[in-house]
């Protein structure tokens, strides 16, 4: 199990969670952030600092955002485990489900 970032993060990319993560497992895509399932140590430090409440423990992702669980896993399929987001920097793509979402123009 891991933590999952869901819909409220799309097109927001606040990054407060990145600063709080002790193992550097939160990666930046074009439209949202993703938690690497193999690098996350389930500490939960990221969850309370997210200003849009987009981070959930995998079993607790709300039903309307369940597709973001697969999106978080898909994002890392071709990448493997690079051993930290700081080494990689921004990744110029998103999971296909996220890329297909309409622009999030809501004020958060």
N, C-alpha and C. Protein backbone atom coordinates (compact mmCIF):
# COMPACT_ATOMS: atom_id res chain seq x y z
N UNK A 1 0.83 -1.19 0.00
CA UNK A 1 0.00 0.00 0.00
C UNK A 1 0.87 1.25 0.00
N UNK A 2 0.31 2.31 -0.52
CA UNK A 2 1.01 3.57 -0.62
C UNK A 2 0.02 4.71 -0.52
N UNK A 3 0.50 5.91 -0.57
CA UNK A 3 -0.38 7.08 -0.65
C UNK A 3 -0.60 7.40 -2.12
N UNK A 4 -1.75 8.00 -2.41
CA UNK A 4 -2.18 8.31 -3.77
C UNK A 4 -2.53 9.79 -3.84
N UNK A 5 -2.16 10.43 -4.93
CA UNK A 5 -2.57 11.80 -5.17
C UNK A 5 -3.72 11.76 -6.18
N UNK A 6 -4.79 12.48 -5.86
CA UNK A 6 -6.02 12.40 -6.67
C UNK A 6 -6.35 13.73 -7.36
N UNK A 7 -7.55 13.80 -7.90
CA UNK A 7 -8.03 14.89 -8.76
C UNK A 7 -7.77 16.31 -8.25
N UNK A 8 -7.91 16.60 -6.96
CA UNK A 8 -7.70 17.99 -6.54
C UNK A 8 -6.31 18.56 -6.88
N UNK A 9 -5.34 17.72 -7.15
CA UNK A 9 -3.99 18.17 -7.50
C UNK A 9 -3.85 18.54 -8.97
N UNK A 10 -4.73 18.03 -9.82
CA UNK A 10 -4.60 18.26 -11.26
C UNK A 10 -4.61 19.77 -11.55
N UNK A 11 -3.58 20.22 -12.22
CA UNK A 11 -3.38 21.61 -12.62
C UNK A 11 -3.15 22.56 -11.44
N UNK A 12 -2.89 22.02 -10.24
CA UNK A 12 -2.60 22.85 -9.07
C UNK A 12 -1.11 22.80 -8.74
N UNK A 13 -0.56 21.61 -8.54
CA UNK A 13 0.87 21.40 -8.28
C UNK A 13 1.44 22.32 -7.20
N UNK A 14 0.82 22.32 -6.03
CA UNK A 14 1.26 23.18 -4.92
C UNK A 14 2.68 22.85 -4.44
N UNK A 15 3.03 21.59 -4.35
CA UNK A 15 4.35 21.07 -3.99
C UNK A 15 4.72 21.16 -2.52
N UNK A 16 3.80 21.54 -1.64
CA UNK A 16 4.09 21.53 -0.21
C UNK A 16 4.41 20.10 0.24
N UNK A 17 3.78 19.13 -0.39
CA UNK A 17 4.01 17.72 -0.04
C UNK A 17 5.44 17.29 -0.36
N UNK A 18 5.99 17.81 -1.44
CA UNK A 18 7.36 17.46 -1.83
C UNK A 18 8.34 17.88 -0.74
N UNK A 19 8.16 19.07 -0.22
CA UNK A 19 9.04 19.58 0.82
C UNK A 19 8.95 18.77 2.11
N UNK A 20 7.79 18.18 2.36
CA UNK A 20 7.56 17.44 3.61
C UNK A 20 7.99 15.97 3.53
N UNK A 21 8.11 15.43 2.33
CA UNK A 21 8.41 14.00 2.14
C UNK A 21 9.84 13.68 2.54
N UNK A 22 10.04 12.80 3.54
CA UNK A 22 11.39 12.49 4.00
C UNK A 22 12.17 11.55 3.07
N UNK A 23 11.49 10.90 2.11
CA UNK A 23 12.17 9.96 1.23
C UNK A 23 12.17 10.39 -0.23
N UNK A 24 11.72 11.60 -0.53
CA UNK A 24 11.79 12.17 -1.87
C UNK A 24 11.09 11.28 -2.90
N UNK A 25 9.86 10.83 -2.57
CA UNK A 25 9.15 9.91 -3.47
C UNK A 25 8.00 10.56 -4.22
N UNK A 26 7.89 11.89 -4.17
CA UNK A 26 6.80 12.58 -4.87
C UNK A 26 7.38 13.26 -6.10
N UNK A 27 6.93 12.81 -7.26
CA UNK A 27 7.47 13.25 -8.55
C UNK A 27 6.50 14.21 -9.23
N UNK A 28 7.04 15.12 -10.01
CA UNK A 28 6.22 16.10 -10.71
C UNK A 28 6.05 15.71 -12.17
N UNK A 29 4.78 15.61 -12.58
CA UNK A 29 4.45 15.44 -13.99
C UNK A 29 4.05 16.79 -14.56
N UNK A 30 3.50 16.80 -15.75
CA UNK A 30 3.07 18.06 -16.35
C UNK A 30 1.90 18.70 -15.62
N UNK A 31 0.91 17.88 -15.23
CA UNK A 31 -0.32 18.44 -14.68
C UNK A 31 -0.59 18.11 -13.22
N UNK A 32 0.16 17.17 -12.65
CA UNK A 32 -0.05 16.84 -11.25
C UNK A 32 1.19 16.15 -10.68
N UNK A 33 1.17 15.90 -9.39
CA UNK A 33 2.24 15.20 -8.71
C UNK A 33 1.84 13.74 -8.52
N UNK A 34 2.84 12.87 -8.41
CA UNK A 34 2.61 11.43 -8.27
C UNK A 34 3.51 10.89 -7.18
N UNK A 35 2.99 9.95 -6.38
CA UNK A 35 3.78 9.30 -5.34
C UNK A 35 4.24 7.95 -5.85
N UNK A 36 5.55 7.72 -5.80
CA UNK A 36 6.10 6.45 -6.29
C UNK A 36 5.74 5.33 -5.31
N UNK A 37 4.99 4.32 -5.77
CA UNK A 37 4.51 3.28 -4.86
C UNK A 37 5.60 2.42 -4.23
N UNK A 38 6.74 2.29 -4.90
CA UNK A 38 7.83 1.47 -4.34
C UNK A 38 8.76 2.26 -3.44
N UNK A 39 8.75 3.56 -3.57
CA UNK A 39 9.64 4.41 -2.76
C UNK A 39 8.95 4.99 -1.52
N UNK A 40 7.62 5.08 -1.55
CA UNK A 40 6.86 5.62 -0.42
C UNK A 40 6.99 4.68 0.78
N UNK A 41 7.25 5.27 1.95
CA UNK A 41 7.39 4.47 3.17
C UNK A 41 6.14 4.58 4.05
N UNK A 42 5.06 5.09 3.49
CA UNK A 42 3.77 5.19 4.17
C UNK A 42 3.82 5.99 5.47
N UNK A 43 4.66 7.01 5.52
CA UNK A 43 4.78 7.80 6.75
C UNK A 43 3.62 8.77 6.92
N UNK A 44 2.99 9.18 5.81
CA UNK A 44 1.86 10.09 5.88
C UNK A 44 2.21 11.55 6.09
N UNK A 45 3.48 11.90 6.03
CA UNK A 45 3.88 13.30 6.25
C UNK A 45 3.31 14.24 5.20
N UNK A 46 3.08 13.75 4.01
CA UNK A 46 2.59 14.57 2.90
C UNK A 46 1.12 14.93 3.04
N UNK A 47 0.34 14.04 3.60
CA UNK A 47 -1.11 14.20 3.61
C UNK A 47 -1.60 15.48 4.30
N UNK A 48 -1.16 15.79 5.51
CA UNK A 48 -1.72 16.97 6.18
C UNK A 48 -1.27 18.31 5.60
N UNK A 49 -0.19 18.35 4.83
CA UNK A 49 0.28 19.62 4.28
C UNK A 49 -0.31 19.96 2.93
N UNK A 50 -1.04 19.05 2.33
CA UNK A 50 -1.65 19.30 1.01
C UNK A 50 -2.79 20.30 1.17
N UNK A 51 -2.66 21.49 0.57
CA UNK A 51 -3.69 22.52 0.76
C UNK A 51 -5.02 22.21 0.06
N UNK A 52 -5.02 21.28 -0.89
CA UNK A 52 -6.26 20.95 -1.60
C UNK A 52 -6.78 19.56 -1.22
N UNK A 53 -6.18 18.95 -0.20
CA UNK A 53 -6.60 17.64 0.30
C UNK A 53 -6.71 16.60 -0.81
N UNK A 54 -5.62 16.46 -1.57
CA UNK A 54 -5.59 15.54 -2.71
C UNK A 54 -4.91 14.22 -2.38
N UNK A 55 -4.32 14.08 -1.20
CA UNK A 55 -3.53 12.89 -0.88
C UNK A 55 -4.30 11.98 0.08
N UNK A 56 -4.35 10.70 -0.30
CA UNK A 56 -5.09 9.71 0.48
C UNK A 56 -4.27 8.43 0.60
N UNK A 57 -4.46 7.72 1.72
CA UNK A 57 -3.92 6.38 1.80
C UNK A 57 -4.66 5.56 0.74
N UNK A 58 -3.97 4.66 0.09
CA UNK A 58 -4.54 3.94 -1.06
C UNK A 58 -5.91 3.35 -0.80
N UNK A 59 -6.12 2.76 0.35
CA UNK A 59 -7.41 2.15 0.67
C UNK A 59 -8.50 3.19 0.95
N UNK A 60 -8.11 4.45 1.14
CA UNK A 60 -9.06 5.49 1.52
C UNK A 60 -9.37 6.48 0.40
N UNK A 61 -8.90 6.22 -0.82
CA UNK A 61 -9.20 7.12 -1.93
C UNK A 61 -10.71 7.12 -2.15
N UNK A 62 -11.34 8.31 -2.17
CA UNK A 62 -12.80 8.37 -2.40
C UNK A 62 -13.18 7.70 -3.73
N UNK A 63 -14.33 7.11 -3.74
CA UNK A 63 -14.79 6.34 -4.90
C UNK A 63 -14.72 7.14 -6.21
N UNK A 64 -15.08 8.41 -6.17
CA UNK A 64 -15.08 9.21 -7.40
C UNK A 64 -13.68 9.44 -7.95
N UNK A 65 -12.65 9.17 -7.17
CA UNK A 65 -11.27 9.38 -7.62
C UNK A 65 -10.45 8.08 -7.69
N UNK A 66 -11.11 6.93 -7.68
CA UNK A 66 -10.41 5.64 -7.70
C UNK A 66 -9.50 5.48 -8.92
N UNK A 67 -9.84 6.10 -10.05
CA UNK A 67 -9.01 5.99 -11.25
C UNK A 67 -7.62 6.61 -11.04
N UNK A 68 -7.48 7.48 -10.08
CA UNK A 68 -6.18 8.09 -9.81
C UNK A 68 -5.21 7.10 -9.16
N UNK A 69 -5.74 6.05 -8.54
CA UNK A 69 -4.86 5.01 -8.00
C UNK A 69 -4.09 4.37 -9.14
N UNK A 70 -4.79 3.93 -10.17
CA UNK A 70 -4.12 3.34 -11.34
C UNK A 70 -3.22 4.35 -12.03
N UNK A 71 -3.65 5.60 -12.09
CA UNK A 71 -2.83 6.64 -12.74
C UNK A 71 -1.50 6.81 -12.02
N UNK A 72 -1.51 6.77 -10.67
CA UNK A 72 -0.27 6.90 -9.93
C UNK A 72 0.68 5.74 -10.23
N UNK A 73 0.15 4.53 -10.33
CA UNK A 73 0.98 3.37 -10.66
C UNK A 73 1.48 3.45 -12.11
N UNK A 74 0.57 3.79 -13.03
CA UNK A 74 0.93 3.86 -14.45
C UNK A 74 2.06 4.85 -14.72
N UNK A 75 2.05 5.96 -14.00
CA UNK A 75 3.06 7.00 -14.22
C UNK A 75 4.48 6.45 -14.09
N UNK A 76 4.66 5.43 -13.25
CA UNK A 76 6.00 4.90 -12.98
C UNK A 76 6.32 3.61 -13.73
N UNK A 77 5.40 3.08 -14.53
CA UNK A 77 5.60 1.79 -15.19
C UNK A 77 6.89 1.72 -16.01
N UNK A 78 7.15 2.69 -16.84
CA UNK A 78 8.34 2.66 -17.69
C UNK A 78 9.59 3.18 -17.00
N UNK A 79 9.42 3.81 -15.87
CA UNK A 79 10.52 4.47 -15.19
C UNK A 79 11.25 3.57 -14.19
N UNK A 80 10.54 2.61 -13.63
CA UNK A 80 11.13 1.82 -12.56
C UNK A 80 11.23 2.67 -11.31
N UNK A 81 12.28 2.45 -10.54
CA UNK A 81 12.47 3.20 -9.30
C UNK A 81 13.77 3.99 -9.38
N UNK A 82 13.70 5.27 -9.75
CA UNK A 82 14.91 6.06 -9.92
C UNK A 82 15.60 6.45 -8.62
N UNK A 83 14.94 6.22 -7.48
CA UNK A 83 15.58 6.48 -6.20
C UNK A 83 15.51 7.92 -5.73
N UNK A 84 14.50 8.64 -6.13
CA UNK A 84 14.30 9.99 -5.64
C UNK A 84 13.94 10.98 -6.72
N UNK A 85 12.95 11.79 -6.42
CA UNK A 85 12.45 12.77 -7.38
C UNK A 85 13.45 13.88 -7.67
N UNK A 86 14.26 14.25 -6.69
CA UNK A 86 15.21 15.35 -6.89
C UNK A 86 16.22 15.02 -7.98
N UNK A 87 16.58 13.74 -8.10
CA UNK A 87 17.53 13.31 -9.13
C UNK A 87 16.94 13.46 -10.53
N UNK A 88 15.62 13.27 -10.64
CA UNK A 88 14.95 13.20 -11.92
C UNK A 88 14.44 14.57 -12.38
N UNK A 89 13.94 15.37 -11.47
CA UNK A 89 13.33 16.65 -11.83
C UNK A 89 11.96 16.43 -12.43
N UNK A 90 11.40 17.46 -13.01
CA UNK A 90 10.07 17.37 -13.60
C UNK A 90 10.08 16.38 -14.77
N UNK A 91 9.05 15.55 -14.82
CA UNK A 91 8.89 14.58 -15.88
C UNK A 91 7.84 15.13 -16.84
N UNK A 92 8.21 15.31 -18.07
CA UNK A 92 7.36 15.99 -19.05
C UNK A 92 6.29 15.08 -19.64
N UNK A 93 5.47 14.51 -18.77
CA UNK A 93 4.34 13.69 -19.20
C UNK A 93 3.43 13.47 -18.00
N UNK A 94 2.32 12.83 -18.23
CA UNK A 94 1.38 12.44 -17.19
C UNK A 94 0.86 11.05 -17.49
N UNK A 95 0.23 10.43 -16.52
CA UNK A 95 -0.48 9.18 -16.77
C UNK A 95 -1.57 9.48 -17.79
N UNK A 96 -1.90 8.53 -18.62
CA UNK A 96 -2.87 8.77 -19.71
C UNK A 96 -4.22 9.25 -19.18
N UNK A 97 -4.66 8.72 -18.05
CA UNK A 97 -5.94 9.14 -17.47
C UNK A 97 -5.89 10.62 -17.09
N UNK A 98 -4.79 11.06 -16.52
CA UNK A 98 -4.65 12.46 -16.11
C UNK A 98 -4.54 13.36 -17.34
N UNK A 99 -3.75 12.97 -18.30
CA UNK A 99 -3.58 13.77 -19.51
C UNK A 99 -4.90 13.98 -20.24
N UNK A 100 -5.82 13.03 -20.13
CA UNK A 100 -7.10 13.12 -20.82
C UNK A 100 -8.13 13.97 -20.07
N UNK A 101 -7.84 14.35 -18.84
CA UNK A 101 -8.79 15.15 -18.06
C UNK A 101 -8.89 16.57 -18.59
N UNK A 102 -10.09 17.16 -18.52
CA UNK A 102 -10.20 18.56 -18.92
C UNK A 102 -9.42 19.44 -17.95
N UNK A 103 -9.03 20.61 -18.40
CA UNK A 103 -8.28 21.53 -17.56
C UNK A 103 -9.07 21.84 -16.30
N UNK A 104 -8.38 21.85 -15.17
CA UNK A 104 -8.99 22.16 -13.88
C UNK A 104 -8.83 23.65 -13.66
N UNK A 105 -9.90 24.38 -13.86
CA UNK A 105 -9.86 25.83 -13.73
C UNK A 105 -10.45 26.31 -12.41
N UNK A 106 -10.75 25.37 -11.52
CA UNK A 106 -11.34 25.71 -10.22
C UNK A 106 -10.33 26.44 -9.34
N UNK A 107 -10.82 27.36 -8.56
CA UNK A 107 -9.98 28.03 -7.56
C UNK A 107 -9.82 27.08 -6.39
N UNK A 108 -8.60 26.81 -5.99
CA UNK A 108 -8.36 25.94 -4.83
C UNK A 108 -7.87 26.75 -3.68
